[in-house]
Amino acid sequence: MPHPNGSISVAYSNSKKGLEAEINLPDGVSGTFVWEGKSYPLKAGENTLGL
């Protein structure tokens, strides 16, 4: 996904362990990942979540 600071990329899969997600944000960009009513903070760079 294009963003003024760079590209945002997301890859996720459902496994027996649950959701696995890799989210990459450009420098200077933070965010929040919401899954099943819970919020997870994201920082600039690579974010790996196992939920």
N, C-alpha and C. Protein backbone atom coordinates (compact mmCIF):
# COMPACT_ATOMS: atom_id res chain seq x y z
N MET A 1 0.85 -1.17 0.00
CA MET A 1 0.00 0.00 0.00
C MET A 1 0.89 1.23 0.00
N PRO A 2 0.70 2.14 -0.91
CA PRO A 2 1.52 3.34 -0.92
C PRO A 2 1.19 4.27 0.25
N HIS A 3 2.21 4.94 0.74
CA HIS A 3 2.08 5.91 1.82
C HIS A 3 3.06 7.04 1.50
N PRO A 4 2.79 8.27 1.88
CA PRO A 4 3.71 9.36 1.57
C PRO A 4 5.15 9.12 2.06
N ASN A 5 5.33 8.33 3.12
CA ASN A 5 6.67 8.06 3.66
C ASN A 5 7.30 6.80 3.08
N GLY A 6 6.57 6.05 2.26
CA GLY A 6 7.08 4.79 1.71
C GLY A 6 5.95 3.80 1.56
N SER A 7 6.30 2.53 1.46
CA SER A 7 5.28 1.49 1.27
C SER A 7 4.95 0.78 2.58
N ILE A 8 3.69 0.40 2.72
CA ILE A 8 3.24 -0.43 3.83
C ILE A 8 2.94 -1.80 3.24
N SER A 9 3.50 -2.84 3.88
CA SER A 9 3.21 -4.19 3.40
C SER A 9 2.70 -5.05 4.55
N VAL A 10 1.79 -5.96 4.21
CA VAL A 10 1.18 -6.85 5.20
C VAL A 10 1.10 -8.25 4.60
N ALA A 11 1.52 -9.24 5.39
CA ALA A 11 1.36 -10.64 5.00
C ALA A 11 0.86 -11.37 6.24
N TYR A 12 -0.18 -12.17 6.08
CA TYR A 12 -0.70 -12.91 7.23
C TYR A 12 -1.19 -14.28 6.80
N SER A 13 -1.23 -15.17 7.77
CA SER A 13 -1.74 -16.52 7.51
C SER A 13 -2.38 -17.05 8.79
N ASN A 14 -3.34 -17.90 8.61
CA ASN A 14 -3.99 -18.58 9.71
C ASN A 14 -3.37 -19.96 9.85
N SER A 15 -2.93 -20.31 11.04
CA SER A 15 -2.34 -21.62 11.27
C SER A 15 -3.02 -22.24 12.49
N LYS A 16 -2.60 -23.43 12.84
CA LYS A 16 -3.16 -24.07 14.04
C LYS A 16 -2.86 -23.27 15.30
N LYS A 17 -1.76 -22.51 15.27
CA LYS A 17 -1.38 -21.66 16.40
C LYS A 17 -2.23 -20.40 16.47
N GLY A 18 -2.86 -20.02 15.36
CA GLY A 18 -3.63 -18.79 15.29
C GLY A 18 -3.15 -17.93 14.14
N LEU A 19 -3.35 -16.64 14.23
CA LEU A 19 -2.96 -15.72 13.17
C LEU A 19 -1.48 -15.38 13.31
N GLU A 20 -0.77 -15.42 12.20
CA GLU A 20 0.61 -14.95 12.14
C GLU A 20 0.65 -13.81 11.13
N ALA A 21 1.20 -12.67 11.54
CA ALA A 21 1.20 -11.49 10.67
C ALA A 21 2.56 -10.83 10.66
N GLU A 22 2.96 -10.36 9.48
CA GLU A 22 4.16 -9.55 9.32
C GLU A 22 3.72 -8.24 8.68
N ILE A 23 3.98 -7.14 9.36
CA ILE A 23 3.57 -5.83 8.89
C ILE A 23 4.80 -4.93 8.86
N ASN A 24 5.07 -4.34 7.71
CA ASN A 24 6.20 -3.43 7.56
C ASN A 24 5.68 -2.02 7.32
N LEU A 25 6.16 -1.10 8.17
CA LEU A 25 5.77 0.30 8.06
C LEU A 25 6.99 1.15 7.72
N PRO A 26 6.80 2.21 6.95
CA PRO A 26 7.92 3.10 6.61
C PRO A 26 8.47 3.83 7.83
N ASP A 27 9.68 4.36 7.70
CA ASP A 27 10.27 5.17 8.77
C ASP A 27 9.33 6.31 9.15
N GLY A 28 9.22 6.55 10.44
CA GLY A 28 8.40 7.65 10.94
C GLY A 28 6.91 7.34 11.00
N VAL A 29 6.52 6.10 10.71
CA VAL A 29 5.10 5.73 10.72
C VAL A 29 4.87 4.67 11.79
N SER A 30 3.87 4.90 12.62
CA SER A 30 3.45 3.90 13.61
C SER A 30 1.98 3.59 13.34
N GLY A 31 1.46 2.60 14.02
CA GLY A 31 0.07 2.25 13.79
C GLY A 31 -0.45 1.29 14.84
N THR A 32 -1.62 0.78 14.60
CA THR A 32 -2.26 -0.17 15.50
C THR A 32 -2.89 -1.27 14.66
N PHE A 33 -2.64 -2.53 15.04
CA PHE A 33 -3.26 -3.68 14.40
C PHE A 33 -4.35 -4.16 15.34
N VAL A 34 -5.57 -4.28 14.85
CA VAL A 34 -6.71 -4.72 15.68
C VAL A 34 -7.15 -6.08 15.20
N TRP A 35 -7.20 -7.03 16.13
CA TRP A 35 -7.60 -8.40 15.80
C TRP A 35 -8.45 -8.94 16.93
N GLU A 36 -9.65 -9.37 16.61
CA GLU A 36 -10.60 -9.95 17.57
C GLU A 36 -10.79 -9.05 18.80
N GLY A 37 -10.95 -7.77 18.54
CA GLY A 37 -11.25 -6.82 19.60
C GLY A 37 -10.05 -6.37 20.42
N LYS A 38 -8.83 -6.84 20.11
CA LYS A 38 -7.63 -6.44 20.83
C LYS A 38 -6.76 -5.59 19.92
N SER A 39 -6.09 -4.60 20.50
CA SER A 39 -5.21 -3.70 19.76
C SER A 39 -3.75 -4.02 20.04
N TYR A 40 -2.94 -3.99 19.00
CA TYR A 40 -1.51 -4.26 19.10
C TYR A 40 -0.76 -3.09 18.47
N PRO A 41 0.11 -2.42 19.23
CA PRO A 41 0.84 -1.27 18.67
C PRO A 41 1.87 -1.72 17.64
N LEU A 42 2.03 -0.93 16.59
CA LEU A 42 3.01 -1.18 15.54
C LEU A 42 3.99 -0.03 15.50
N LYS A 43 5.26 -0.35 15.26
CA LYS A 43 6.30 0.65 15.15
C LYS A 43 6.80 0.72 13.72
N ALA A 44 7.56 1.72 13.40
CA ALA A 44 8.18 1.82 12.07
C ALA A 44 9.10 0.62 11.87
N GLY A 45 9.14 0.09 10.66
CA GLY A 45 9.97 -1.07 10.37
C GLY A 45 9.14 -2.35 10.40
N GLU A 46 9.83 -3.47 10.67
CA GLU A 46 9.18 -4.78 10.64
C GLU A 46 8.51 -5.09 11.96
N ASN A 47 7.27 -5.55 11.88
CA ASN A 47 6.49 -5.98 13.04
C ASN A 47 6.02 -7.41 12.77
N THR A 48 6.30 -8.31 13.71
CA THR A 48 5.87 -9.70 13.58
C THR A 48 4.95 -10.02 14.74
N LEU A 49 3.77 -10.52 14.43
CA LEU A 49 2.78 -10.85 15.46
C LEU A 49 2.38 -12.31 15.34
N GLY A 50 2.31 -12.99 16.46
CA GLY A 50 1.74 -14.34 16.52
C GLY A 50 0.60 -14.27 17.51
N LEU A 51 -0.61 -14.38 17.01
CA LEU A 51 -1.81 -14.19 17.85
C LEU A 51 -2.65 -15.44 17.91
